[in-house]
Amino acid sequence: MELQKTGSYAKAYVEILEIINYMGKEYKEKVPPKLLKHFEENRDPNYVYKFGDTQMGNNQIFSTETIGLLSMLEYRYWANDDEKKALKESLEKNEKNYQDCVNEKYNPKNIFGNKK
C-alpha cells in the first residue's frame, strides 16, 4: 500500500500520531516501526493537533484521511479475527451501496433514455 506524503495526508499523519499516543503503548507497539516512521517523517510540521481539543459535544472531529488511516490501522494491526471479519463485511456493504448509487445516477439508459 502506497501512502501519500503531502497535502491533507501530512495533516492526517499529525492526527494519527496524536491519536496513537493517546490510545496507549499496547496499540502503538502493534504498528510497524517503519509505518510510524513514515507518519513522523511526512507529517506537516506546522500543523498542531491535540486529541480532545476540537470536540463538538462528545464527538471528535477527524479529517476523512485520518478516518481512512484509522480504519486501515484497525483492520491490519489492532482487530482480532472476528473484528476483521465484521469490518470487512461493513466495508464491502458500503462499497456496494456506493457503487449502486453511482450506477443508478450515471447509468446511460437513465441519462439518455428519456431524450427524444
N, C-alpha and C. Protein backbone atom coordinates (compact mmCIF):
# COMPACT_ATOMS: atom_id res chain seq x y z
N MET A 1 0.85 -1.18 0.00
CA MET A 1 0.00 0.00 0.00
C MET A 1 0.89 1.24 0.00
N GLU A 2 0.67 2.10 -0.95
CA GLU A 2 1.46 3.33 -1.07
C GLU A 2 0.76 4.44 -0.29
N LEU A 3 1.44 5.01 0.68
CA LEU A 3 0.88 6.09 1.48
C LEU A 3 1.28 7.43 0.89
N GLN A 4 0.34 8.36 0.94
CA GLN A 4 0.57 9.71 0.44
C GLN A 4 1.59 10.43 1.33
N LYS A 5 2.26 11.43 0.76
CA LYS A 5 3.29 12.13 1.51
C LYS A 5 3.04 13.63 1.65
N THR A 6 2.01 14.15 1.00
CA THR A 6 1.81 15.60 1.03
C THR A 6 0.35 15.95 1.27
N GLY A 7 0.09 17.25 1.31
CA GLY A 7 -1.27 17.76 1.39
C GLY A 7 -1.99 17.37 2.65
N SER A 8 -3.25 16.99 2.47
CA SER A 8 -4.09 16.67 3.62
C SER A 8 -3.59 15.44 4.37
N TYR A 9 -2.87 14.56 3.69
CA TYR A 9 -2.31 13.40 4.39
C TYR A 9 -1.23 13.82 5.39
N ALA A 10 -0.50 14.86 5.09
CA ALA A 10 0.52 15.33 6.03
C ALA A 10 -0.13 15.77 7.34
N LYS A 11 -1.29 16.38 7.25
CA LYS A 11 -2.03 16.76 8.46
C LYS A 11 -2.63 15.53 9.13
N ALA A 12 -3.11 14.60 8.32
CA ALA A 12 -3.69 13.37 8.88
C ALA A 12 -2.63 12.59 9.67
N TYR A 13 -1.39 12.61 9.21
CA TYR A 13 -0.33 11.92 9.93
C TYR A 13 -0.12 12.53 11.31
N VAL A 14 -0.24 13.84 11.41
CA VAL A 14 -0.14 14.50 12.72
C VAL A 14 -1.26 13.99 13.62
N GLU A 15 -2.47 13.95 13.08
CA GLU A 15 -3.61 13.49 13.86
C GLU A 15 -3.45 12.02 14.27
N ILE A 16 -3.01 11.19 13.34
CA ILE A 16 -2.82 9.76 13.62
C ILE A 16 -1.80 9.56 14.74
N LEU A 17 -0.68 10.25 14.66
CA LEU A 17 0.35 10.11 15.70
C LEU A 17 -0.19 10.54 17.06
N GLU A 18 -0.96 11.60 17.10
CA GLU A 18 -1.54 12.07 18.37
C GLU A 18 -2.54 11.04 18.90
N ILE A 19 -3.37 10.51 18.03
CA ILE A 19 -4.37 9.52 18.45
C ILE A 19 -3.70 8.25 18.96
N ILE A 20 -2.70 7.78 18.24
CA ILE A 20 -1.98 6.57 18.67
C ILE A 20 -1.33 6.80 20.03
N ASN A 21 -0.74 7.94 20.24
CA ASN A 21 -0.14 8.24 21.55
C ASN A 21 -1.20 8.28 22.64
N TYR A 22 -2.36 8.78 22.32
CA TYR A 22 -3.46 8.86 23.28
C TYR A 22 -3.98 7.46 23.62
N MET A 23 -3.99 6.57 22.62
CA MET A 23 -4.55 5.23 22.80
C MET A 23 -3.71 4.36 23.73
N GLY A 24 -2.43 4.58 23.75
CA GLY A 24 -1.61 3.82 24.66
C GLY A 24 -0.56 2.95 23.98
N LYS A 25 0.34 2.49 24.81
CA LYS A 25 1.52 1.74 24.38
C LYS A 25 1.17 0.45 23.64
N GLU A 26 0.14 -0.28 24.12
CA GLU A 26 -0.18 -1.57 23.50
C GLU A 26 -0.63 -1.42 22.05
N TYR A 27 -1.27 -0.30 21.72
CA TYR A 27 -1.67 -0.06 20.33
C TYR A 27 -0.48 0.39 19.50
N LYS A 28 0.31 1.26 20.06
CA LYS A 28 1.48 1.77 19.33
C LYS A 28 2.45 0.64 19.00
N GLU A 29 2.61 -0.31 19.91
CA GLU A 29 3.54 -1.42 19.69
C GLU A 29 3.10 -2.36 18.58
N LYS A 30 1.81 -2.36 18.25
CA LYS A 30 1.30 -3.24 17.20
C LYS A 30 1.50 -2.65 15.80
N VAL A 31 1.79 -1.36 15.72
CA VAL A 31 2.01 -0.71 14.43
C VAL A 31 3.49 -0.85 14.08
N PRO A 32 3.81 -1.29 12.87
CA PRO A 32 5.22 -1.46 12.49
C PRO A 32 6.00 -0.14 12.63
N PRO A 33 7.20 -0.22 13.20
CA PRO A 33 8.02 0.99 13.37
C PRO A 33 8.24 1.74 12.05
N LYS A 34 8.35 1.01 10.96
CA LYS A 34 8.56 1.64 9.65
C LYS A 34 7.36 2.54 9.29
N LEU A 35 6.15 2.10 9.62
CA LEU A 35 4.95 2.89 9.33
C LEU A 35 4.89 4.12 10.23
N LEU A 36 5.20 3.95 11.51
CA LEU A 36 5.24 5.10 12.42
C LEU A 36 6.28 6.11 11.96
N LYS A 37 7.41 5.61 11.49
CA LYS A 37 8.47 6.49 10.99
C LYS A 37 7.97 7.26 9.77
N HIS A 38 7.23 6.58 8.88
CA HIS A 38 6.66 7.25 7.70
C HIS A 38 5.73 8.38 8.15
N PHE A 39 4.86 8.10 9.11
CA PHE A 39 3.96 9.14 9.61
C PHE A 39 4.75 10.32 10.17
N GLU A 40 5.77 10.01 10.92
CA GLU A 40 6.58 11.06 11.56
C GLU A 40 7.34 11.89 10.53
N GLU A 41 7.97 11.24 9.59
CA GLU A 41 8.79 11.94 8.59
C GLU A 41 7.95 12.75 7.59
N ASN A 42 6.70 12.36 7.39
CA ASN A 42 5.88 13.02 6.37
C ASN A 42 4.74 13.85 6.95
N ARG A 43 4.75 14.05 8.25
CA ARG A 43 3.71 14.88 8.87
C ARG A 43 3.96 16.35 8.56
N ASP A 44 2.92 17.13 8.70
CA ASP A 44 3.02 18.58 8.50
C ASP A 44 3.60 19.19 9.77
N PRO A 45 4.83 19.70 9.73
CA PRO A 45 5.46 20.22 10.94
C PRO A 45 4.80 21.50 11.46
N ASN A 46 4.00 22.14 10.64
CA ASN A 46 3.34 23.39 11.05
C ASN A 46 1.93 23.18 11.58
N TYR A 47 1.44 21.95 11.50
CA TYR A 47 0.08 21.65 11.94
C TYR A 47 0.12 21.11 13.36
N VAL A 48 -0.67 21.71 14.24
CA VAL A 48 -0.74 21.28 15.63
C VAL A 48 -2.12 20.70 15.88
N TYR A 49 -2.15 19.50 16.42
CA TYR A 49 -3.40 18.83 16.72
C TYR A 49 -3.29 18.18 18.08
N LYS A 50 -4.22 18.49 18.94
CA LYS A 50 -4.26 17.88 20.27
C LYS A 50 -5.56 17.11 20.39
N PHE A 51 -5.44 15.83 20.60
CA PHE A 51 -6.61 14.98 20.75
C PHE A 51 -7.44 15.49 21.92
N GLY A 52 -8.71 15.74 21.67
CA GLY A 52 -9.59 16.23 22.72
C GLY A 52 -9.82 17.72 22.66
N ASP A 53 -8.99 18.46 21.93
CA ASP A 53 -9.13 19.92 21.89
C ASP A 53 -10.19 20.40 20.91
N THR A 54 -10.57 19.60 19.95
CA THR A 54 -11.50 20.05 18.92
C THR A 54 -12.81 19.28 19.01
N GLN A 55 -13.35 19.17 20.20
CA GLN A 55 -14.56 18.39 20.39
C GLN A 55 -15.81 19.22 20.11
N MET A 56 -16.79 18.54 19.55
CA MET A 56 -18.13 19.09 19.40
C MET A 56 -19.03 18.12 20.16
N GLY A 57 -19.47 18.50 21.34
CA GLY A 57 -20.21 17.56 22.17
C GLY A 57 -19.28 16.44 22.58
N ASN A 58 -19.67 15.21 22.30
CA ASN A 58 -18.82 14.06 22.62
C ASN A 58 -18.13 13.50 21.39
N ASN A 59 -18.26 14.16 20.25
CA ASN A 59 -17.69 13.65 19.01
C ASN A 59 -16.40 14.38 18.67
N GLN A 60 -15.37 13.60 18.39
CA GLN A 60 -14.08 14.15 17.97
C GLN A 60 -14.12 14.42 16.48
N ILE A 61 -13.52 15.50 16.05
CA ILE A 61 -13.50 15.85 14.63
C ILE A 61 -12.20 15.32 14.01
N PHE A 62 -12.34 14.52 12.96
CA PHE A 62 -11.20 13.99 12.23
C PHE A 62 -11.39 14.27 10.75
N SER A 63 -10.28 14.37 10.04
CA SER A 63 -10.36 14.52 8.58
C SER A 63 -10.73 13.17 7.98
N THR A 64 -11.20 13.21 6.75
CA THR A 64 -11.54 11.99 6.02
C THR A 64 -10.31 11.09 5.89
N GLU A 65 -9.16 11.70 5.64
CA GLU A 65 -7.92 10.92 5.52
C GLU A 65 -7.57 10.23 6.83
N THR A 66 -7.77 10.92 7.95
CA THR A 66 -7.48 10.34 9.26
C THR A 66 -8.40 9.15 9.53
N ILE A 67 -9.67 9.29 9.21
CA ILE A 67 -10.62 8.19 9.41
C ILE A 67 -10.20 6.98 8.57
N GLY A 68 -9.79 7.22 7.33
CA GLY A 68 -9.32 6.14 6.47
C GLY A 68 -8.09 5.45 7.04
N LEU A 69 -7.15 6.25 7.52
CA LEU A 69 -5.93 5.67 8.10
C LEU A 69 -6.24 4.89 9.38
N LEU A 70 -7.14 5.41 10.20
CA LEU A 70 -7.54 4.69 11.42
C LEU A 70 -8.20 3.36 11.06
N SER A 71 -9.01 3.35 10.03
CA SER A 71 -9.65 2.11 9.59
C SER A 71 -8.61 1.10 9.14
N MET A 72 -7.63 1.58 8.39
CA MET A 72 -6.56 0.71 7.92
C MET A 72 -5.77 0.14 9.11
N LEU A 73 -5.44 0.99 10.08
CA LEU A 73 -4.70 0.52 11.25
C LEU A 73 -5.52 -0.49 12.05
N GLU A 74 -6.79 -0.20 12.21
CA GLU A 74 -7.66 -1.12 12.94
C GLU A 74 -7.69 -2.48 12.25
N TYR A 75 -7.90 -2.48 10.96
CA TYR A 75 -8.03 -3.74 10.23
C TYR A 75 -6.71 -4.53 10.20
N ARG A 76 -5.63 -3.84 9.93
CA ARG A 76 -4.34 -4.55 9.76
C ARG A 76 -3.65 -4.92 11.07
N TYR A 77 -3.78 -4.09 12.09
CA TYR A 77 -2.92 -4.28 13.26
C TYR A 77 -3.64 -4.46 14.59
N TRP A 78 -4.84 -3.91 14.74
CA TRP A 78 -5.46 -3.90 16.07
C TRP A 78 -6.62 -4.88 16.22
N ALA A 79 -7.31 -5.19 15.16
CA ALA A 79 -8.51 -6.02 15.26
C ALA A 79 -8.17 -7.50 15.36
N ASN A 80 -9.01 -8.23 16.12
CA ASN A 80 -8.89 -9.68 16.13
C ASN A 80 -9.63 -10.22 14.91
N ASP A 81 -9.63 -11.53 14.72
CA ASP A 81 -10.21 -12.12 13.51
C ASP A 81 -11.70 -11.81 13.36
N ASP A 82 -12.46 -11.88 14.44
CA ASP A 82 -13.89 -11.58 14.36
C ASP A 82 -14.13 -10.12 14.01
N GLU A 83 -13.36 -9.23 14.60
CA GLU A 83 -13.49 -7.80 14.30
C GLU A 83 -13.10 -7.51 12.85
N LYS A 84 -12.07 -8.19 12.37
CA LYS A 84 -11.67 -8.01 10.96
C LYS A 84 -12.78 -8.45 10.03
N LYS A 85 -13.40 -9.57 10.34
CA LYS A 85 -14.49 -10.08 9.50
C LYS A 85 -15.64 -9.08 9.47
N ALA A 86 -16.02 -8.56 10.63
CA ALA A 86 -17.13 -7.59 10.70
C ALA A 86 -16.77 -6.30 9.96
N LEU A 87 -15.54 -5.84 10.12
CA LEU A 87 -15.11 -4.62 9.43
C LEU A 87 -15.08 -4.83 7.92
N LYS A 88 -14.59 -5.97 7.49
CA LYS A 88 -14.56 -6.27 6.05
C LYS A 88 -15.96 -6.31 5.47
N GLU A 89 -16.89 -6.95 6.18
CA GLU A 89 -18.28 -7.01 5.72
C GLU A 89 -18.90 -5.62 5.63
N SER A 90 -18.62 -4.80 6.62
CA SER A 90 -19.14 -3.43 6.62
C SER A 90 -18.59 -2.62 5.46
N LEU A 91 -17.29 -2.73 5.23
CA LEU A 91 -16.67 -2.01 4.12
C LEU A 91 -17.20 -2.49 2.77
N GLU A 92 -17.38 -3.80 2.63
CA GLU A 92 -17.92 -4.34 1.39
C GLU A 92 -19.36 -3.87 1.17
N LYS A 93 -20.15 -3.82 2.22
CA LYS A 93 -21.54 -3.34 2.12
C LYS A 93 -21.56 -1.87 1.72
N ASN A 94 -20.71 -1.06 2.35
CA ASN A 94 -20.62 0.36 2.00
C ASN A 94 -20.21 0.55 0.55
N GLU A 95 -19.25 -0.22 0.09
CA GLU A 95 -18.79 -0.12 -1.29
C GLU A 95 -19.90 -0.52 -2.26
N LYS A 96 -20.63 -1.58 -1.95
CA LYS A 96 -21.73 -2.00 -2.81
C LYS A 96 -22.80 -0.91 -2.89
N ASN A 97 -23.15 -0.33 -1.74
CA ASN A 97 -24.14 0.75 -1.73
C ASN A 97 -23.67 1.93 -2.56
N TYR A 98 -22.41 2.28 -2.43
CA TYR A 98 -21.84 3.39 -3.20
C TYR A 98 -21.90 3.09 -4.70
N GLN A 99 -21.48 1.89 -5.08
CA GLN A 99 -21.49 1.51 -6.49
C GLN A 99 -22.92 1.48 -7.05
N ASP A 100 -23.87 1.01 -6.25
CA ASP A 100 -25.27 1.01 -6.69
C ASP A 100 -25.76 2.43 -6.95
N CYS A 101 -25.41 3.36 -6.06
CA CYS A 101 -25.80 4.76 -6.24
C CYS A 101 -25.16 5.36 -7.49
N VAL A 102 -23.89 5.09 -7.69
CA VAL A 102 -23.19 5.61 -8.87
C VAL A 102 -23.81 5.02 -10.14
N ASN A 103 -24.06 3.71 -10.13
CA ASN A 103 -24.64 3.07 -11.31
C ASN A 103 -26.03 3.62 -11.62
N GLU A 104 -26.81 3.88 -10.59
CA GLU A 104 -28.14 4.43 -10.80
C GLU A 104 -28.08 5.86 -11.32
N LYS A 105 -27.19 6.62 -10.76
CA LYS A 105 -27.08 8.03 -11.14
C LYS A 105 -26.51 8.21 -12.55
N TYR A 106 -25.52 7.40 -12.92
CA TYR A 106 -24.81 7.58 -14.18
C TYR A 106 -25.09 6.49 -15.21
N ASN A 107 -26.13 5.72 -15.02
CA ASN A 107 -26.49 4.68 -15.96
C ASN A 107 -26.87 5.33 -17.30
N PRO A 108 -26.20 4.97 -18.41
CA PRO A 108 -26.50 5.58 -19.69
C PRO A 108 -27.97 5.47 -20.10
N LYS A 109 -28.64 4.39 -19.72
CA LYS A 109 -30.05 4.23 -20.04
C LYS A 109 -30.89 5.30 -19.35
N ASN A 110 -30.50 5.66 -18.12
CA ASN A 110 -31.24 6.69 -17.40
C ASN A 110 -30.90 8.09 -17.90
N ILE A 111 -29.67 8.28 -18.29
CA ILE A 111 -29.23 9.61 -18.72
C ILE A 111 -29.79 9.94 -20.11
N PHE A 112 -29.70 8.99 -21.03
CA PHE A 112 -30.08 9.26 -22.42
C PHE A 112 -31.44 8.64 -22.80
N GLY A 113 -31.99 7.81 -21.94
CA GLY A 113 -33.21 7.09 -22.26
C GLY A 113 -34.44 7.97 -22.44
N ASN A 114 -34.49 9.10 -21.77
CA ASN A 114 -35.67 9.95 -21.83
C ASN A 114 -35.60 10.99 -22.94
N LYS A 115 -34.53 11.06 -23.67
CA LYS A 115 -34.42 12.04 -24.76
C LYS A 115 -35.12 11.54 -26.01
N LYS A 116 -35.73 12.46 -26.72
CA LYS A 116 -36.40 12.10 -27.97
C LYS A 116 -35.83 12.84 -29.13
